[in-house]
Amino acid sequence: MSTVIEGHLDNGVLRVKLEVNRLDASASRDFKKQVDVIWSPDVTQVELDFKQVGFIDSSGVGALLGVYKRLPNVEGQVRLTSVQAPVQSVIELLRLHRIFKIEN
């Protein structure tokens, strides 16, 4: 398993930095496993740093939705930061900007 993320819990906010250029099928498998390792019942929000990610496919989108579904309530929020244009286009095309807060 290659390192896909680096993350830590900060006052209920799981801050995750993605360490890959592509969030595709192979990276998504490792992403899910690594999120499982750092996840805690105390997580109320997730912040994902997408600075390095220039490509996302359906597997990557599924991995993001998996994180969203783990949050304890509807108030829980997933924030994507430093999102590159190609990734933002995919997220908006799928209308997922309605559930993910996107910050550039």
PDB file of N, CA and C in Angstrom:
ATOM      1  N   MET A   1       0.855  -1.182   0.000  1.00  0.00           N
ATOM      2  CA  MET A   1       0.000   0.000   0.000  1.00  0.00           C
ATOM      3  C   MET A   1       0.896   1.238   0.000  1.00  0.00           C
ATOM      4  N   SER A   2       0.687   2.103  -0.962  1.00  0.00           N
ATOM      5  CA  SER A   2       1.482   3.329  -1.022  1.00  0.00           C
ATOM      6  C   SER A   2       0.789   4.432  -0.221  1.00  0.00           C
ATOM      7  N   THR A   3       1.573   5.380   0.243  1.00  0.00           N
ATOM      8  CA  THR A   3       1.019   6.483   1.020  1.00  0.00           C
ATOM      9  C   THR A   3       0.255   7.422   0.105  1.00  0.00           C
ATOM     10  N   VAL A   4      -1.026   7.557   0.377  1.00  0.00           N
ATOM     11  CA  VAL A   4      -1.903   8.394  -0.428  1.00  0.00           C
ATOM     12  C   VAL A   4      -2.266   9.659   0.338  1.00  0.00           C
ATOM     13  N   ILE A   5      -2.338   9.527   1.667  1.00  0.00           N
ATOM     14  CA  ILE A   5      -2.748  10.667   2.479  1.00  0.00           C
ATOM     15  C   ILE A   5      -1.842  10.827   3.695  1.00  0.00           C
ATOM     16  N   GLU A   6      -1.899  12.033   4.218  1.00  0.00           N
ATOM     17  CA  GLU A   6      -1.272  12.342   5.492  1.00  0.00           C
ATOM     18  C   GLU A   6      -2.349  13.081   6.255  1.00  0.00           C
ATOM     19  N   GLY A   7      -2.677  12.635   7.458  1.00  0.00           N
ATOM     20  CA  GLY A   7      -3.779  13.281   8.150  1.00  0.00           C
ATOM     21  C   GLY A   7      -3.674  13.242   9.651  1.00  0.00           C
ATOM     22  N   HIS A   8      -4.428  14.132  10.288  1.00  0.00           N
ATOM     23  CA  HIS A   8      -4.499  14.170  11.742  1.00  0.00           C
ATOM     24  C   HIS A   8      -5.825  14.796  12.170  1.00  0.00           C
ATOM     25  N   LEU A   9      -6.214  14.512  13.404  1.00  0.00           N
ATOM     26  CA  LEU A   9      -7.456  15.043  13.968  1.00  0.00           C
ATOM     27  C   LEU A   9      -7.138  16.303  14.757  1.00  0.00           C
ATOM     28  N   ASP A  10      -7.896  17.365  14.500  1.00  0.00           N
ATOM     29  CA  ASP A  10      -7.672  18.655  15.137  1.00  0.00           C
ATOM     30  C   ASP A  10      -9.017  19.206  15.603  1.00  0.00           C
ATOM     31  N   ASN A  11      -9.342  19.015  16.886  1.00  0.00           N
ATOM     32  CA  ASN A  11     -10.610  19.516  17.458  1.00  0.00           C
ATOM     33  C   ASN A  11     -11.835  19.050  16.677  1.00  0.00           C
ATOM     34  N   GLY A  12     -11.915  17.774  16.355  1.00  0.00           N
ATOM     35  CA  GLY A  12     -13.059  17.230  15.629  1.00  0.00           C
ATOM     36  C   GLY A  12     -12.957  17.347  14.124  1.00  0.00           C
ATOM     37  N   VAL A  13     -11.948  18.076  13.638  1.00  0.00           N
ATOM     38  CA  VAL A  13     -11.754  18.233  12.195  1.00  0.00           C
ATOM     39  C   VAL A  13     -10.632  17.301  11.751  1.00  0.00           C
ATOM     40  N   LEU A  14     -10.963  16.379  10.861  1.00  0.00           N
ATOM     41  CA  LEU A  14      -9.955  15.497  10.297  1.00  0.00           C
ATOM     42  C   LEU A  14      -9.330  16.232   9.114  1.00  0.00           C
ATOM     43  N   ARG A  15      -8.081  16.622   9.262  1.00  0.00           N
ATOM     44  CA  ARG A  15      -7.362  17.358   8.211  1.00  0.00           C
ATOM     45  C   ARG A  15      -6.491  16.374   7.446  1.00  0.00           C
ATOM     46  N   VAL A  16      -6.782  16.257   6.148  1.00  0.00           N
ATOM     47  CA  VAL A  16      -6.122  15.257   5.311  1.00  0.00           C
ATOM     48  C   VAL A  16      -5.472  15.932   4.115  1.00  0.00           C
ATOM     49  N   LYS A  17      -4.205  15.618   3.897  1.00  0.00           N
ATOM     50  CA  LYS A  17      -3.493  16.108   2.717  1.00  0.00           C
ATOM     51  C   LYS A  17      -3.318  14.924   1.773  1.00  0.00           C
ATOM     52  N   LEU A  18      -3.831  15.050   0.566  1.00  0.00           N
ATOM     53  CA  LEU A  18      -3.664  13.980  -0.415  1.00  0.00           C
ATOM     54  C   LEU A  18      -2.274  14.084  -1.025  1.00  0.00           C
ATOM     55  N   GLU A  19      -1.571  12.967  -1.063  1.00  0.00           N
ATOM     56  CA  GLU A  19      -0.180  12.923  -1.516  1.00  0.00           C
ATOM     57  C   GLU A  19      -0.059  12.267  -2.890  1.00  0.00           C
ATOM     58  N   VAL A  20      -1.097  12.371  -3.710  1.00  0.00           N
ATOM     59  CA  VAL A  20      -1.092  11.754  -5.046  1.00  0.00           C
ATOM     60  C   VAL A  20      -1.517  12.775  -6.094  1.00  0.00           C
ATOM     61  N   ASN A  21      -1.108  12.535  -7.336  1.00  0.00           N
ATOM     62  CA  ASN A  21      -1.512  13.409  -8.440  1.00  0.00           C
ATOM     63  C   ASN A  21      -2.855  13.000  -9.023  1.00  0.00           C
ATOM     64  N   ARG A  22      -3.181  11.708  -8.876  1.00  0.00           N
ATOM     65  CA  ARG A  22      -4.418  11.173  -9.445  1.00  0.00           C
ATOM     66  C   ARG A  22      -5.177  10.404  -8.377  1.00  0.00           C
ATOM     67  N   LEU A  23      -6.439  10.778  -8.157  1.00  0.00           N
ATOM     68  CA  LEU A  23      -7.293  10.009  -7.252  1.00  0.00           C
ATOM     69  C   LEU A  23      -8.130   9.093  -8.142  1.00  0.00           C
ATOM     70  N   ASP A  24      -7.505   7.967  -8.534  1.00  0.00           N
ATOM     71  CA  ASP A  24      -8.131   6.999  -9.444  1.00  0.00           C
ATOM     72  C   ASP A  24      -8.349   5.687  -8.696  1.00  0.00           C
ATOM     73  N   ALA A  25      -8.644   4.621  -9.427  1.00  0.00           N
ATOM     74  CA  ALA A  25      -9.015   3.345  -8.806  1.00  0.00           C
ATOM     75  C   ALA A  25      -7.957   2.841  -7.822  1.00  0.00           C
ATOM     76  N   SER A  26      -6.689   2.805  -8.222  1.00  0.00           N
ATOM     77  CA  SER A  26      -5.679   2.252  -7.321  1.00  0.00           C
ATOM     78  C   SER A  26      -5.437   3.167  -6.120  1.00  0.00           C
ATOM     79  N   ALA A  27      -5.382   4.477  -6.341  1.00  0.00           N
ATOM     80  CA  ALA A  27      -5.180   5.409  -5.229  1.00  0.00           C
ATOM     81  C   ALA A  27      -6.394   5.422  -4.297  1.00  0.00           C
ATOM     82  N   SER A  28      -7.585   5.238  -4.844  1.00  0.00           N
ATOM     83  CA  SER A  28      -8.804   5.269  -4.026  1.00  0.00           C
ATOM     84  C   SER A  28      -8.849   4.119  -3.031  1.00  0.00           C
ATOM     85  N   ARG A  29      -8.379   2.950  -3.450  1.00  0.00           N
ATOM     86  CA  ARG A  29      -8.335   1.804  -2.523  1.00  0.00           C
ATOM     87  C   ARG A  29      -7.457   2.132  -1.322  1.00  0.00           C
ATOM     88  N   ASP A  30      -6.268   2.651  -1.587  1.00  0.00           N
ATOM     89  CA  ASP A  30      -5.360   3.002  -0.499  1.00  0.00           C
ATOM     90  C   ASP A  30      -5.905   4.171   0.319  1.00  0.00           C
ATOM     91  N   PHE A  31      -6.536   5.126  -0.340  1.00  0.00           N
ATOM     92  CA  PHE A  31      -7.156   6.267   0.340  1.00  0.00           C
ATOM     93  C   PHE A  31      -8.154   5.766   1.385  1.00  0.00           C
ATOM     94  N   LYS A  32      -9.042   4.864   0.982  1.00  0.00           N
ATOM     95  CA  LYS A  32     -10.061   4.347   1.895  1.00  0.00           C
ATOM     96  C   LYS A  32      -9.423   3.635   3.081  1.00  0.00           C
ATOM     97  N   LYS A  33      -8.422   2.803   2.813  1.00  0.00           N
ATOM     98  CA  LYS A  33      -7.743   2.068   3.892  1.00  0.00           C
ATOM     99  C   LYS A  33      -7.070   3.026   4.861  1.00  0.00           C
ATOM    100  N   GLN A  34      -6.418   4.050   4.331  1.00  0.00           N
ATOM    101  CA  GLN A  34      -5.699   4.991   5.185  1.00  0.00           C
ATOM    102  C   GLN A  34      -6.647   5.888   5.972  1.00  0.00           C
ATOM    103  N   VAL A  35      -7.805   6.230   5.391  1.00  0.00           N
ATOM    104  CA  VAL A  35      -8.816   6.984   6.139  1.00  0.00           C
ATOM    105  C   VAL A  35      -9.328   6.127   7.293  1.00  0.00           C
ATOM    106  N   ASP A  36      -9.544   4.822   7.053  1.00  0.00           N
ATOM    107  CA  ASP A  36      -9.986   3.922   8.122  1.00  0.00           C
ATOM    108  C   ASP A  36      -9.027   3.953   9.305  1.00  0.00           C
ATOM    109  N   VAL A  37      -7.729   4.004   9.016  1.00  0.00           N
ATOM    110  CA  VAL A  37      -6.708   3.983  10.070  1.00  0.00           C
ATOM    111  C   VAL A  37      -6.765   5.247  10.929  1.00  0.00           C
ATOM    112  N   ILE A  38      -6.982   6.408  10.312  1.00  0.00           N
ATOM    113  CA  ILE A  38      -6.944   7.658  11.082  1.00  0.00           C
ATOM    114  C   ILE A  38      -8.324   8.140  11.544  1.00  0.00           C
ATOM    115  N   TRP A  39      -9.394   7.455  11.111  1.00  0.00           N
ATOM    116  CA  TRP A  39     -10.751   7.878  11.479  1.00  0.00           C
ATOM    117  C   TRP A  39     -10.962   7.678  12.972  1.00  0.00           C
ATOM    118  N   SER A  40     -11.777   8.548  13.545  1.00  0.00           N
ATOM    119  CA  SER A  40     -12.101   8.475  14.965  1.00  0.00           C
ATOM    120  C   SER A  40     -13.570   8.833  15.148  1.00  0.00           C
ATOM    121  N   PRO A  41     -14.199   8.322  16.212  1.00  0.00           N
ATOM    122  CA  PRO A  41     -15.598   8.701  16.476  1.00  0.00           C
ATOM    123  C   PRO A  41     -15.757  10.204  16.743  1.00  0.00           C
ATOM    124  N   ASP A  42     -14.648  10.882  17.039  1.00  0.00           N
ATOM    125  CA  ASP A  42     -14.686  12.313  17.332  1.00  0.00           C
ATOM    126  C   ASP A  42     -14.767  13.185  16.080  1.00  0.00           C
ATOM    127  N   VAL A  43     -14.644  12.603  14.901  1.00  0.00           N
ATOM    128  CA  VAL A  43     -14.642  13.389  13.662  1.00  0.00           C
ATOM    129  C   VAL A  43     -16.031  13.957  13.398  1.00  0.00           C
ATOM    130  N   THR A  44     -16.090  15.292  13.237  1.00  0.00           N
ATOM    131  CA  THR A  44     -17.356  15.956  12.903  1.00  0.00           C
ATOM    132  C   THR A  44     -17.266  16.671  11.561  1.00  0.00           C
ATOM    133  N   GLN A  45     -16.026  16.950  11.110  1.00  0.00           N
ATOM    134  CA  GLN A  45     -15.809  17.595   9.822  1.00  0.00           C
ATOM    135  C   GLN A  45     -14.541  17.018   9.207  1.00  0.00           C
ATOM    136  N   VAL A  46     -14.471  17.114   7.880  1.00  0.00           N
ATOM    137  CA  VAL A  46     -13.285  16.637   7.177  1.00  0.00           C
ATOM    138  C   VAL A  46     -12.822  17.737   6.230  1.00  0.00           C
ATOM    139  N   GLU A  47     -11.527  17.999   6.242  1.00  0.00           N
ATOM    140  CA  GLU A  47     -10.925  18.962   5.319  1.00  0.00           C
ATOM    141  C   GLU A  47      -9.880  18.216   4.498  1.00  0.00           C
ATOM    142  N   LEU A  48     -10.076  18.199   3.180  1.00  0.00           N
ATOM    143  CA  LEU A  48      -9.176  17.488   2.278  1.00  0.00           C
ATOM    144  C   LEU A  48      -8.398  18.483   1.436  1.00  0.00           C
ATOM    145  N   ASP A  49      -7.080  18.427   1.523  1.00  0.00           N
ATOM    146  CA  ASP A  49      -6.206  19.307   0.756  1.00  0.00           C
ATOM    147  C   ASP A  49      -5.912  18.641  -0.587  1.00  0.00           C
ATOM    148  N   PHE A  50      -6.458  19.223  -1.655  1.00  0.00           N
ATOM    149  CA  PHE A  50      -6.353  18.657  -3.008  1.00  0.00           C
ATOM    150  C   PHE A  50      -5.252  19.318  -3.838  1.00  0.00           C
ATOM    151  N   LYS A  51      -4.322  20.010  -3.185  1.00  0.00           N
ATOM    152  CA  LYS A  51      -3.304  20.780  -3.903  1.00  0.00           C
ATOM    153  C   LYS A  51      -2.570  19.963  -4.967  1.00  0.00           C
ATOM    154  N   GLN A  52      -2.238  18.697  -4.661  1.00  0.00           N
ATOM    155  CA  GLN A  52      -1.467  17.879  -5.597  1.00  0.00           C
ATOM    156  C   GLN A  52      -2.321  17.137  -6.619  1.00  0.00           C
ATOM    157  N   VAL A  53      -3.624  17.051  -6.379  1.00  0.00           N
ATOM    158  CA  VAL A  53      -4.489  16.210  -7.205  1.00  0.00           C
ATOM    159  C   VAL A  53      -4.949  16.955  -8.459  1.00  0.00           C
ATOM    160  N   GLY A  54      -4.557  16.432  -9.624  1.00  0.00           N
ATOM    161  CA  GLY A  54      -4.943  17.041 -10.886  1.00  0.00           C
ATOM    162  C   GLY A  54      -5.963  16.238 -11.660  1.00  0.00           C
ATOM    163  N   PHE A  55      -6.308  15.034 -11.128  1.00  0.00           N
ATOM    164  CA  PHE A  55      -7.240  14.148 -11.831  1.00  0.00           C
ATOM    165  C   PHE A  55      -8.034  13.361 -10.808  1.00  0.00           C
ATOM    166  N   ILE A  56      -9.333  13.210 -11.065  1.00  0.00           N
ATOM    167  CA  ILE A  56     -10.183  12.355 -10.230  1.00  0.00           C
ATOM    168  C   ILE A  56     -11.117  11.595 -11.159  1.00  0.00           C
ATOM    169  N   ASP A  57     -11.321  10.303 -10.866  1.00  0.00           N
ATOM    170  CA  ASP A  57     -12.270   9.516 -11.661  1.00  0.00           C
ATOM    171  C   ASP A  57     -13.406   9.052 -10.748  1.00  0.00           C
ATOM    172  N   SER A  58     -14.259   8.180 -11.271  1.00  0.00           N
ATOM    173  CA  SER A  58     -15.433   7.746 -10.501  1.00  0.00           C
ATOM    174  C   SER A  58     -15.042   7.038  -9.204  1.00  0.00           C
ATOM    175  N   SER A  59     -13.924   6.334  -9.198  1.00  0.00           N
ATOM    176  CA  SER A  59     -13.455   5.677  -7.973  1.00  0.00           C
ATOM    177  C   SER A  59     -13.099   6.712  -6.915  1.00  0.00           C
ATOM    178  N   GLY A  60     -12.438   7.785  -7.355  1.00  0.00           N
ATOM    179  CA  GLY A  60     -12.077   8.862  -6.437  1.00  0.00           C
ATOM    180  C   GLY A  60     -13.303   9.561  -5.890  1.00  0.00           C
ATOM    181  N   VAL A  61     -14.273   9.802  -6.742  1.00  0.00           N
ATOM    182  CA  VAL A  61     -15.528  10.418  -6.311  1.00  0.00           C
ATOM    183  C   VAL A  61     -16.220   9.510  -5.292  1.00  0.00           C
ATOM    184  N   GLY A  62     -16.217   8.208  -5.561  1.00  0.00           N
ATOM    185  CA  GLY A  62     -16.812   7.244  -4.628  1.00  0.00           C
ATOM    186  C   GLY A  62     -16.118   7.269  -3.272  1.00  0.00           C
ATOM    187  N   ALA A  63     -14.797   7.403  -3.290  1.00  0.00           N
ATOM    188  CA  ALA A  63     -14.041   7.471  -2.032  1.00  0.00           C
ATOM    189  C   ALA A  63     -14.429   8.726  -1.239  1.00  0.00           C
ATOM    190  N   LEU A  64     -14.603   9.841  -1.939  1.00  0.00           N
ATOM    191  CA  LEU A  64     -15.020  11.079  -1.267  1.00  0.00           C
ATOM    192  C   LEU A  64     -16.418  10.937  -0.676  1.00  0.00           C
ATOM    193  N   LEU A  65     -17.312  10.322  -1.427  1.00  0.00           N
ATOM    194  CA  LEU A  65     -18.675  10.107  -0.922  1.00  0.00           C
ATOM    195  C   LEU A  65     -18.664   9.184   0.293  1.00  0.00           C
ATOM    196  N   GLY A  66     -17.750   8.211   0.288  1.00  0.00           N
ATOM    197  CA  GLY A  66     -17.610   7.318   1.441  1.00  0.00           C
ATOM    198  C   GLY A  66     -17.230   8.081   2.700  1.00  0.00           C
ATOM    199  N   VAL A  67     -16.328   9.051   2.566  1.00  0.00           N
ATOM    200  CA  VAL A  67     -15.943   9.894   3.704  1.00  0.00           C
ATOM    201  C   VAL A  67     -17.145  10.713   4.168  1.00  0.00           C
ATOM    202  N   TYR A  68     -17.858  11.300   3.225  1.00  0.00           N
ATOM    203  CA  TYR A  68     -19.038  12.110   3.545  1.00  0.00           C
ATOM    204  C   TYR A  68     -20.075  11.287   4.329  1.00  0.00           C
ATOM    205  N   LYS A  69     -20.298  10.058   3.891  1.00  0.00           N
ATOM    206  CA  LYS A  69     -21.319   9.212   4.523  1.00  0.00           C
ATOM    207  C   LYS A  69     -20.930   8.766   5.924  1.00  0.00           C
ATOM    208  N   ARG A  70     -19.642   8.818   6.255  1.00  0.00           N
ATOM    209  CA  ARG A  70     -19.183   8.418   7.590  1.00  0.00           C
ATOM    210  C   ARG A  70     -19.440   9.476   8.643  1.00  0.00           C
ATOM    211  N   LEU A  71     -19.672  10.705   8.212  1.00  0.00           N
ATOM    212  CA  LEU A  71     -19.870  11.780   9.181  1.00  0.00           C
ATOM    213  C   LEU A  71     -21.148  11.531   9.972  1.00  0.00           C
ATOM    214  N   PRO A  72     -21.137  11.906  11.253  1.00  0.00           N
ATOM    215  CA  PRO A  72     -22.225  11.512  12.157  1.00  0.00           C
ATOM    216  C   PRO A  72     -23.575  12.179  11.903  1.00  0.00           C
ATOM    217  N   ASN A  73     -23.615  13.328  11.261  1.00  0.00           N
ATOM    218  CA  ASN A  73     -24.904  14.004  11.074  1.00  0.00           C
ATOM    219  C   ASN A  73     -24.862  14.894   9.840  1.00  0.00           C
ATOM    220  N   VAL A  74     -26.003  15.450   9.506  1.00  0.00           N
ATOM    221  CA  VAL A  74     -26.073  16.285   8.310  1.00  0.00           C
ATOM    222  C   VAL A  74     -25.286  17.582   8.458  1.00  0.00           C
ATOM    223  N   GLU A  75     -25.004  17.967   9.694  1.00  0.00           N
ATOM    224  CA  GLU A  75     -24.202  19.170   9.929  1.00  0.00           C
ATOM    225  C   GLU A  75     -22.739  18.912   9.568  1.00  0.00           C
ATOM    226  N   GLY A  76     -22.363  17.650   9.577  1.00  0.00           N
ATOM    227  CA  GLY A  76     -20.989  17.297   9.234  1.00  0.00           C
ATOM    228  C   GLY A  76     -20.684  17.776   7.832  1.00  0.00           C
ATOM    229  N   GLN A  77     -19.479  18.255   7.637  1.00  0.00           N
ATOM    230  CA  GLN A  77     -19.157  18.881   6.367  1.00  0.00           C
ATOM    231  C   GLN A  77     -17.819  18.371   5.849  1.00  0.00           C
ATOM    232  N   VAL A  78     -17.748  18.227   4.541  1.00  0.00           N
ATOM    233  CA  VAL A  78     -16.492  17.877   3.883  1.00  0.00           C
ATOM    234  C   VAL A  78     -16.062  19.095   3.075  1.00  0.00           C
ATOM    235  N   ARG A  79     -14.875  19.599   3.383  1.00  0.00           N
ATOM    236  CA  ARG A  79     -14.348  20.767   2.690  1.00  0.00           C
ATOM    237  C   ARG A  79     -13.151  20.334   1.857  1.00  0.00           C
ATOM    238  N   LEU A  80     -13.162  20.713   0.578  1.00  0.00           N
ATOM    239  CA  LEU A  80     -12.062  20.417  -0.330  1.00  0.00           C
ATOM    240  C   LEU A  80     -11.311  21.720  -0.565  1.00  0.00           C
ATOM    241  N   THR A  81     -10.011  21.737  -0.256  1.00  0.00           N
ATOM    242  CA  THR A  81      -9.229  22.961  -0.418  1.00  0.00           C
ATOM    243  C   THR A  81      -8.201  22.794  -1.534  1.00  0.00           C
ATOM    244  N   SER A  82      -7.776  23.922  -2.091  1.00  0.00           N
ATOM    245  CA  SER A  82      -6.764  23.955  -3.166  1.00  0.00           C
ATOM    246  C   SER A  82      -7.134  23.037  -4.330  1.00  0.00           C
ATOM    247  N   VAL A  83      -8.398  23.068  -4.723  1.00  0.00           N
ATOM    248  CA  VAL A  83      -8.903  22.192  -5.783  1.00  0.00           C
ATOM    249  C   VAL A  83      -8.492  22.749  -7.151  1.00  0.00           C
ATOM    250  N   GLN A  84      -7.847  21.918  -7.962  1.00  0.00           N
ATOM    251  CA  GLN A  84      -7.448  22.314  -9.314  1.00  0.00           C
ATOM    252  C   GLN A  84      -8.664  22.268 -10.244  1.00  0.00           C
ATOM    253  N   ALA A  85      -8.603  23.063 -11.307  1.00  0.00           N
ATOM    254  CA  ALA A  85      -9.738  23.214 -12.231  1.00  0.00           C
ATOM    255  C   ALA A  85     -10.289  21.897 -12.777  1.00  0.00           C
ATOM    256  N   PRO A  86      -9.446  20.944 -13.235  1.00  0.00           N
ATOM    257  CA  PRO A  86     -10.018  19.693 -13.784  1.00  0.00           C
ATOM    258  C   PRO A  86     -10.815  18.903 -12.747  1.00  0.00           C
ATOM    259  N   VAL A  87     -10.340  18.902 -11.511  1.00  0.00           N
ATOM    260  CA  VAL A  87     -11.039  18.183 -10.438  1.00  0.00           C
ATOM    261  C   VAL A  87     -12.337  18.904 -10.091  1.00  0.00           C
ATOM    262  N   GLN A  88     -12.278  20.228 -10.009  1.00  0.00           N
ATOM    263  CA  GLN A  88     -13.473  21.001  -9.699  1.00  0.00           C
ATOM    264  C   GLN A  88     -14.535  20.804 -10.780  1.00  0.00           C
ATOM    265  N   SER A  89     -14.117  20.722 -12.030  1.00  0.00           N
ATOM    266  CA  SER A  89     -15.061  20.505 -13.136  1.00  0.00           C
ATOM    267  C   SER A  89     -15.831  19.196 -12.962  1.00  0.00           C
ATOM    268  N   VAL A  90     -15.126  18.139 -12.595  1.00  0.00           N
ATOM    269  CA  VAL A  90     -15.772  16.828 -12.389  1.00  0.00           C
ATOM    270  C   VAL A  90     -16.767  16.920 -11.241  1.00  0.00           C
ATOM    271  N   ILE A  91     -16.352  17.535 -10.142  1.00  0.00           N
ATOM    272  CA  ILE A  91     -17.223  17.644  -8.966  1.00  0.00           C
ATOM    273  C   ILE A  91     -18.477  18.461  -9.298  1.00  0.00           C
ATOM    274  N   GLU A  92     -18.294  19.547 -10.035  1.00  0.00           N
ATOM    275  CA  GLU A  92     -19.455  20.370 -10.401  1.00  0.00           C
ATOM    276  C   GLU A  92     -20.341  19.676 -11.421  1.00  0.00           C
ATOM    277  N   LEU A  93     -19.747  18.958 -12.354  1.00  0.00           N
ATOM    278  CA  LEU A  93     -20.519  18.217 -13.353  1.00  0.00           C
ATOM    279  C   LEU A  93     -21.452  17.207 -12.680  1.00  0.00           C
ATOM    280  N   LEU A  94     -20.959  16.585 -11.615  1.00  0.00           N
ATOM    281  CA  LEU A  94     -21.756  15.614 -10.870  1.00  0.00           C
ATOM    282  C   LEU A  94     -22.643  16.270  -9.800  1.00  0.00           C
ATOM    283  N   ARG A  95     -22.602  17.604  -9.766  1.00  0.00           N
ATOM    284  CA  ARG A  95     -23.379  18.400  -8.809  1.00  0.00           C
ATOM    285  C   ARG A  95     -23.026  18.105  -7.351  1.00  0.00           C
ATOM    286  N   LEU A  96     -21.816  17.651  -7.120  1.00  0.00           N
ATOM    287  CA  LEU A  96     -21.396  17.336  -5.767  1.00  0.00           C
ATOM    288  C   LEU A  96     -20.914  18.564  -5.005  1.00  0.00           C
ATOM    289  N   HIS A  97     -20.818  19.688  -5.698  1.00  0.00           N
ATOM    290  CA  HIS A  97     -20.472  20.929  -5.005  1.00  0.00           C
ATOM    291  C   HIS A  97     -21.598  21.336  -4.047  1.00  0.00           C
ATOM    292  N   ARG A  98     -22.721  20.652  -4.153  1.00  0.00           N
ATOM    293  CA  ARG A  98     -23.837  20.905  -3.232  1.00  0.00           C
ATOM    294  C   ARG A  98     -23.589  20.274  -1.870  1.00  0.00           C
ATOM    295  N   ILE A  99     -22.772  19.218  -1.831  1.00  0.00           N
ATOM    296  CA  ILE A  99     -22.485  18.584  -0.538  1.00  0.00           C
ATOM    297  C   ILE A  99     -21.043  18.784  -0.086  1.00  0.00           C
ATOM    298  N   PHE A 100     -20.148  19.065  -1.013  1.00  0.00           N
ATOM    299  CA  PHE A 100     -18.762  19.357  -0.656  1.00  0.00           C
ATOM    300  C   PHE A 100     -18.546  20.859  -0.774  1.00  0.00           C
ATOM    301  N   LYS A 101     -17.958  21.435   0.244  1.00  0.00           N
ATOM    302  CA  LYS A 101     -17.593  22.865   0.164  1.00  0.00           C
ATOM    303  C   LYS A 101     -16.242  22.942  -0.534  1.00  0.00           C
ATOM    304  N   ILE A 102     -16.181  23.702  -1.626  1.00  0.00           N
ATOM    305  CA  ILE A 102     -14.950  23.794  -2.399  1.00  0.00           C
ATOM    306  C   ILE A 102     -14.293  25.159  -2.166  1.00  0.00           C
ATOM    307  N   GLU A 103     -13.019  25.120  -1.766  1.00  0.00           N
ATOM    308  CA  GLU A 103     -12.244  26.346  -1.567  1.00  0.00           C
ATOM    309  C   GLU A 103     -10.985  26.249  -2.402  1.00  0.00           C
ATOM    310  N   ASN A 104     -10.706  27.287  -3.168  1.00  0.00           N
ATOM    311  CA  ASN A 104      -9.491  27.292  -3.980  1.00  0.00           C
ATOM    312  C   ASN A 104      -8.387  28.090  -3.315  1.00  0.00           C
TER     313      ASN A 104
END
